[in-house]
Amino acid sequence: MTTNPMDCNELVELVTAYLDGSLDLEDRARFDMHLLECDGSENYLQQFRSTIATVGKIDTDQLDPAFRHRLIDAFRNWR
């Protein structure tokens, strides 16, 4: 069976599934192969990991409630 190589756009769409370990084995292998060949996507993945780590440190109880509400509204329908 021949698999199609992954492009950068597909990697971006699958990055959260990759990080949470929910990709199937074929897509995981395609993702890993793309990372080996594409410095830009490797950088994107590292930036995504850094963002997750930074956001995870935010104490939501200390956010201004109006600001928190605006953030939730901004991302509610984001796709």
N, C-alpha and C. Protein backbone atom coordinates (compact mmCIF):
# COMPACT_ATOMS: atom_id res chain seq x y z
N MET A 1 0.84 -1.17 0.00
CA MET A 1 0.00 0.00 0.00
C MET A 1 0.89 1.24 0.00
N THR A 2 0.63 2.16 -0.94
CA THR A 2 1.37 3.40 -1.03
C THR A 2 0.55 4.51 -0.39
N THR A 3 1.18 5.28 0.47
CA THR A 3 0.48 6.39 1.10
C THR A 3 0.96 7.70 0.49
N ASN A 4 0.05 8.65 0.43
CA ASN A 4 0.40 9.96 -0.09
C ASN A 4 1.15 10.75 0.97
N PRO A 5 2.16 11.49 0.54
CA PRO A 5 2.86 12.33 1.52
C PRO A 5 1.93 13.41 2.08
N MET A 6 2.19 13.82 3.27
CA MET A 6 1.40 14.86 3.90
C MET A 6 1.97 16.21 3.47
N ASP A 7 1.08 17.19 3.25
CA ASP A 7 1.56 18.54 2.98
C ASP A 7 1.38 19.39 4.24
N CYS A 8 1.90 20.61 4.18
CA CYS A 8 1.87 21.50 5.35
C CYS A 8 0.45 21.81 5.80
N ASN A 9 -0.47 22.01 4.86
CA ASN A 9 -1.85 22.33 5.23
C ASN A 9 -2.50 21.20 6.00
N GLU A 10 -2.26 19.97 5.57
CA GLU A 10 -2.83 18.82 6.28
C GLU A 10 -2.22 18.69 7.66
N LEU A 11 -0.92 18.94 7.77
CA LEU A 11 -0.25 18.88 9.07
C LEU A 11 -0.90 19.86 10.04
N VAL A 12 -1.14 21.08 9.58
CA VAL A 12 -1.77 22.09 10.43
C VAL A 12 -3.13 21.62 10.92
N GLU A 13 -3.90 20.99 10.04
CA GLU A 13 -5.22 20.49 10.42
C GLU A 13 -5.16 19.36 11.44
N LEU A 14 -4.06 18.60 11.43
CA LEU A 14 -3.96 17.41 12.28
C LEU A 14 -3.08 17.60 13.52
N VAL A 15 -2.54 18.79 13.72
CA VAL A 15 -1.55 18.97 14.78
C VAL A 15 -2.12 18.65 16.17
N THR A 16 -3.35 19.03 16.47
CA THR A 16 -3.87 18.73 17.80
C THR A 16 -4.09 17.23 17.98
N ALA A 17 -4.56 16.55 16.94
CA ALA A 17 -4.71 15.09 17.02
C ALA A 17 -3.35 14.42 17.21
N TYR A 18 -2.33 14.96 16.55
CA TYR A 18 -0.97 14.43 16.70
C TYR A 18 -0.51 14.58 18.16
N LEU A 19 -0.71 15.75 18.70
CA LEU A 19 -0.23 16.01 20.06
C LEU A 19 -1.00 15.24 21.12
N ASP A 20 -2.27 14.97 20.87
CA ASP A 20 -3.02 14.20 21.88
C ASP A 20 -3.00 12.70 21.62
N GLY A 21 -2.26 12.29 20.59
CA GLY A 21 -2.07 10.86 20.33
C GLY A 21 -3.24 10.16 19.70
N SER A 22 -4.12 10.90 19.03
CA SER A 22 -5.31 10.25 18.47
C SER A 22 -5.23 9.98 16.97
N LEU A 23 -4.08 10.25 16.34
CA LEU A 23 -3.93 9.90 14.93
C LEU A 23 -3.79 8.40 14.77
N ASP A 24 -4.33 7.86 13.68
CA ASP A 24 -4.09 6.45 13.41
C ASP A 24 -2.63 6.27 12.99
N LEU A 25 -2.17 5.04 12.96
CA LEU A 25 -0.75 4.77 12.71
C LEU A 25 -0.28 5.30 11.37
N GLU A 26 -1.11 5.19 10.33
CA GLU A 26 -0.71 5.66 9.01
C GLU A 26 -0.54 7.17 8.99
N ASP A 27 -1.51 7.90 9.54
CA ASP A 27 -1.40 9.35 9.56
C ASP A 27 -0.26 9.81 10.48
N ARG A 28 -0.05 9.10 11.57
CA ARG A 28 1.08 9.44 12.46
C ARG A 28 2.40 9.29 11.71
N ALA A 29 2.54 8.23 10.94
CA ALA A 29 3.77 8.01 10.17
C ALA A 29 3.94 9.10 9.10
N ARG A 30 2.85 9.45 8.42
CA ARG A 30 2.90 10.51 7.41
C ARG A 30 3.28 11.84 8.05
N PHE A 31 2.72 12.11 9.22
CA PHE A 31 3.01 13.34 9.96
C PHE A 31 4.49 13.39 10.31
N ASP A 32 5.00 12.30 10.88
CA ASP A 32 6.42 12.23 11.26
C ASP A 32 7.34 12.37 10.06
N MET A 33 6.99 11.75 8.95
CA MET A 33 7.81 11.87 7.73
C MET A 33 7.84 13.31 7.24
N HIS A 34 6.70 13.98 7.28
CA HIS A 34 6.66 15.37 6.85
C HIS A 34 7.56 16.23 7.74
N LEU A 35 7.52 15.99 9.04
CA LEU A 35 8.36 16.76 9.96
C LEU A 35 9.84 16.59 9.65
N LEU A 36 10.23 15.39 9.24
CA LEU A 36 11.63 15.14 8.89
C LEU A 36 12.07 15.93 7.67
N GLU A 37 11.12 16.24 6.80
CA GLU A 37 11.44 16.89 5.54
C GLU A 37 11.15 18.39 5.51
N CYS A 38 10.47 18.91 6.51
CA CYS A 38 9.98 20.29 6.44
C CYS A 38 10.32 21.05 7.73
N ASP A 39 11.33 21.89 7.66
CA ASP A 39 11.71 22.68 8.83
C ASP A 39 10.60 23.63 9.27
N GLY A 40 9.85 24.16 8.32
CA GLY A 40 8.76 25.07 8.67
C GLY A 40 7.70 24.40 9.51
N SER A 41 7.36 23.18 9.15
CA SER A 41 6.34 22.44 9.93
C SER A 41 6.90 22.02 11.28
N GLU A 42 8.17 21.69 11.35
CA GLU A 42 8.79 21.38 12.64
C GLU A 42 8.74 22.61 13.55
N ASN A 43 9.04 23.77 12.99
CA ASN A 43 8.96 25.01 13.77
C ASN A 43 7.53 25.28 14.22
N TYR A 44 6.56 25.05 13.33
CA TYR A 44 5.15 25.24 13.67
C TYR A 44 4.76 24.35 14.85
N LEU A 45 5.17 23.08 14.80
CA LEU A 45 4.85 22.15 15.88
C LEU A 45 5.46 22.62 17.19
N GLN A 46 6.70 23.09 17.16
CA GLN A 46 7.34 23.57 18.39
C GLN A 46 6.64 24.81 18.93
N GLN A 47 6.22 25.71 18.03
CA GLN A 47 5.49 26.90 18.46
C GLN A 47 4.14 26.51 19.07
N PHE A 48 3.49 25.52 18.48
CA PHE A 48 2.21 25.05 19.00
C PHE A 48 2.40 24.47 20.40
N ARG A 49 3.45 23.68 20.59
CA ARG A 49 3.74 23.12 21.92
C ARG A 49 4.02 24.23 22.93
N SER A 50 4.77 25.25 22.52
CA SER A 50 5.07 26.38 23.41
C SER A 50 3.81 27.13 23.78
N THR A 51 2.92 27.31 22.82
CA THR A 51 1.66 28.00 23.08
C THR A 51 0.82 27.23 24.09
N ILE A 52 0.74 25.92 23.91
CA ILE A 52 -0.02 25.07 24.84
C ILE A 52 0.57 25.18 26.24
N ALA A 53 1.89 25.13 26.34
CA ALA A 53 2.54 25.22 27.65
C ALA A 53 2.28 26.57 28.30
N THR A 54 2.33 27.63 27.52
CA THR A 54 2.11 28.98 28.05
C THR A 54 0.66 29.16 28.48
N VAL A 55 -0.27 28.76 27.64
CA VAL A 55 -1.69 28.91 27.97
C VAL A 55 -2.05 28.06 29.19
N GLY A 56 -1.41 26.92 29.31
CA GLY A 56 -1.67 26.06 30.46
C GLY A 56 -1.27 26.67 31.79
N LYS A 57 -0.42 27.69 31.75
CA LYS A 57 0.03 28.36 32.98
C LYS A 57 -0.89 29.50 33.41
N ILE A 58 -1.84 29.85 32.56
CA ILE A 58 -2.74 30.97 32.88
C ILE A 58 -3.72 30.55 33.97
N ASP A 59 -3.81 31.37 34.98
CA ASP A 59 -4.77 31.16 36.05
C ASP A 59 -6.06 31.87 35.66
N THR A 60 -7.03 31.11 35.19
CA THR A 60 -8.27 31.73 34.67
C THR A 60 -9.03 32.48 35.76
N ASP A 61 -8.80 32.15 37.02
CA ASP A 61 -9.47 32.87 38.10
C ASP A 61 -8.97 34.31 38.22
N GLN A 62 -7.77 34.57 37.69
CA GLN A 62 -7.21 35.91 37.79
C GLN A 62 -7.44 36.74 36.53
N LEU A 63 -8.07 36.16 35.51
CA LEU A 63 -8.41 36.93 34.32
C LEU A 63 -9.58 37.85 34.62
N ASP A 64 -9.53 39.05 34.08
CA ASP A 64 -10.66 39.95 34.17
C ASP A 64 -11.87 39.25 33.54
N PRO A 65 -13.00 39.16 34.22
CA PRO A 65 -14.16 38.44 33.68
C PRO A 65 -14.60 38.94 32.30
N ALA A 66 -14.53 40.24 32.06
CA ALA A 66 -14.93 40.77 30.75
C ALA A 66 -13.97 40.30 29.66
N PHE A 67 -12.68 40.28 29.99
CA PHE A 67 -11.68 39.80 29.03
C PHE A 67 -11.87 38.31 28.76
N ARG A 68 -12.10 37.54 29.81
CA ARG A 68 -12.33 36.10 29.66
C ARG A 68 -13.55 35.86 28.75
N HIS A 69 -14.61 36.62 28.97
CA HIS A 69 -15.82 36.49 28.16
C HIS A 69 -15.54 36.82 26.69
N ARG A 70 -14.75 37.87 26.43
CA ARG A 70 -14.40 38.23 25.05
C ARG A 70 -13.56 37.14 24.41
N LEU A 71 -12.65 36.52 25.14
CA LEU A 71 -11.85 35.42 24.59
C LEU A 71 -12.74 34.24 24.22
N ILE A 72 -13.63 33.88 25.11
CA ILE A 72 -14.53 32.75 24.84
C ILE A 72 -15.38 33.04 23.61
N ASP A 73 -15.92 34.24 23.51
CA ASP A 73 -16.72 34.62 22.34
C ASP A 73 -15.89 34.57 21.07
N ALA A 74 -14.65 35.02 21.13
CA ALA A 74 -13.80 35.07 19.94
C ALA A 74 -13.50 33.67 19.41
N PHE A 75 -13.38 32.70 20.29
CA PHE A 75 -12.99 31.36 19.86
C PHE A 75 -14.15 30.37 19.80
N ARG A 76 -15.31 30.79 20.23
CA ARG A 76 -16.46 29.88 20.26
C ARG A 76 -16.74 29.25 18.90
N ASN A 77 -16.76 30.05 17.87
CA ASN A 77 -17.10 29.54 16.54
C ASN A 77 -15.88 29.51 15.62
N TRP A 78 -14.70 29.56 16.18
CA TRP A 78 -13.48 29.57 15.38
C TRP A 78 -13.28 28.22 14.73
N ARG A 79 -12.91 28.28 13.46
CA ARG A 79 -12.62 27.03 12.74
C ARG A 79 -11.71 27.35 11.60
